[in-house]
Each structure stands twice: as C-alpha cells, then as structure tokens.
C-alpha cells in the first residue's frame, strides 16, 4: 500500500487517495500497538531475575504480566475482526419502545450504560442528538463513539434490549417489562462510502423543542433532512446553531445510508448461500432482569451474569467478548 501511495498518479483521484491513506494509517496504528506490546514483554523478561530475588518486585511483575495477557487477548480479538468497517468509529442510536415512561426511562439507563462503557475503554463519546421523554427518561438519543474498533465492538449491541423490574413509576410497584431498540452503525466517510446528491436531499428547519432557554425557542435552529430516494429522515436539534445541527444530521444520515447498503450486501450474500433471510433485525438480543432475581443474559450466546449493577454501569466487556467469539467460531 505504501508503494501505491508513492506512484506519481496516486493523488489524481483525491477520494480514492484519501481512502488508501486512511487504511494505511489504520494499519500503521495496529503495527505500533503490537510493537508496544512486544516492548512490554521484553521489559518484563529483563525484570524476571530481580523478581526472583525481591518478593515485593515479584508482585509488580505479576501484575504487569496479567495486564499484557489481557492486552494480548484484546489485540488477538481485534486482529480477527473481518468486517470492512470494524475499525471505524460508531454511531449508536437508542429508541424507546412502546410503554411510555417505563421504556423512556430504560432508554436513558442504556444511554448512561454506553457512555460509561466508552469512558472505561478510553473512547470519546459525544451525544449528537436527544429527544426528552414526556415525564422522565428519553424517547431517543444518538451518540457518536470514537476510538479504534468502536464499531467492531459495539456491533454486538444492535437489537432489542428487554428490561424486567418493579416499576418506580407505578404506585403499586408492579412488575413491568420494557423494550428499547439499539441501532449501531459504522461512521461513514463522506464522498468515499456514501455520496449524496444535493438534489436528493430535502432540508427543513424548525424551532427546537428541547431545553436551551429562549434562544432555542425563538430561532429555527433544528434541522430535518429527508433523503428522497430512500425516504430516510434524520432530525437534529441538540445544538444552538442551525449549521451545526445540519452537519450532525448529515453525519447521521450518511451512517444510515451506509448501514442500508451493508444490509443489502448481507441479503445478497444470504441469497447466494441459500440461507434463510430473517424478516427483520429487531429481535430481542438481551434481557436485563432486576426482579424477582437479578441477571443479565444474552440470548445469542447464553452468556449471563448476576452482577446487573456492574453491567448497567458500563461493564459490558464480558457480554461483548462472548458475542464476538461466537462470530469468530462461525467464520472459522
């Protein structure tokens, strides 16, 4: 790939050149991470003789070995990612299901869970848009999550999430079941992955209904984009500036169009293989039970844990890894 970028006609096609340079940067980053791990192993090897003589130093070496082993497992999992867009940033959309306040509160709990997970991994998470609930929680939210393999990891979260608990909004404290849909999309590169014809885009502006004081109430800062060819509609009203809202809405629309294209490719592959094509993607993937017992169970892998508080506080790695290893088993 480096030889290709050195060719004299390489930059004649700017779009293709930028795509190649991005891929090259991603590959260099992977190499640097493996070299960094190699250096840590070498440092540990140098310290082993001292660890045999000094018990206090031995604990430090053992801790470093555990950290390297954990990092190695993670890198091996990432190397096994086969998806074209697994290395990309992710856009995650949360939609409360039927059930009013119950589902809207559950949607906000999931939003917090993904923000905490991103923070734990050192990823940057940015709330791109939110629609507040009628009494509590949120009707929907869209967040951008930036970091190496963000989409590769988060694609495990795509689907319907079910919550069973005693309702804090019910005077009788009856048990309620709530559903929330989570969509996960790879961040698209404008003019590389997705090209949008300006004539195929309808832009509407309106007054924001969200918080923000008098400014947001008096100005038409919210933006609605309609992609005429597909009928996809994206709105954004989280920023004070109409320009900012339009840029964010366009970013989300590009991700949705890329997701649509990926779904078409998957359907074609399934037809060629003679596989049964599911009628929809919104199947229940995971249950979070807080009453009468406590358990989080992923229905695709049968992975489960009773530590519901840890999961809802962003401790998703066990669930995510179990799902990814299942995928690897299928590919193998």
Foldseek 3Di string as FASTA:
>chain_A
DVVLLPDPCLCVPVLVNVVVVVVVVLVVVLVVLVVVLVVLVVVLVVCVVVCVVDVVVVVVSVVSVVVSVVVVVVSVLVVLDDDPQQFFWKKKKKAWDPDAPVSQQVSQLVVLQAVLQLVVVVWDKAWQAFAAGPPHHTRMTMIITGDTRNLVLCVLVAAKEKEWAQDPVDPVSDIDITIMGMHMFGFDDEPRLDDADPVQKDKDFAQDPDDDPDLSRPDRQKIWIARNVVRDIFIHRPDSHNVSRVVSRVRVVRRVVSVVVVVVVVVVVCVVVVHDDDPDRHDHQWYAYPPPAGKIAGPVQRDMDRPSVCSSSHPCVVVSVSVSVVVSVVVD
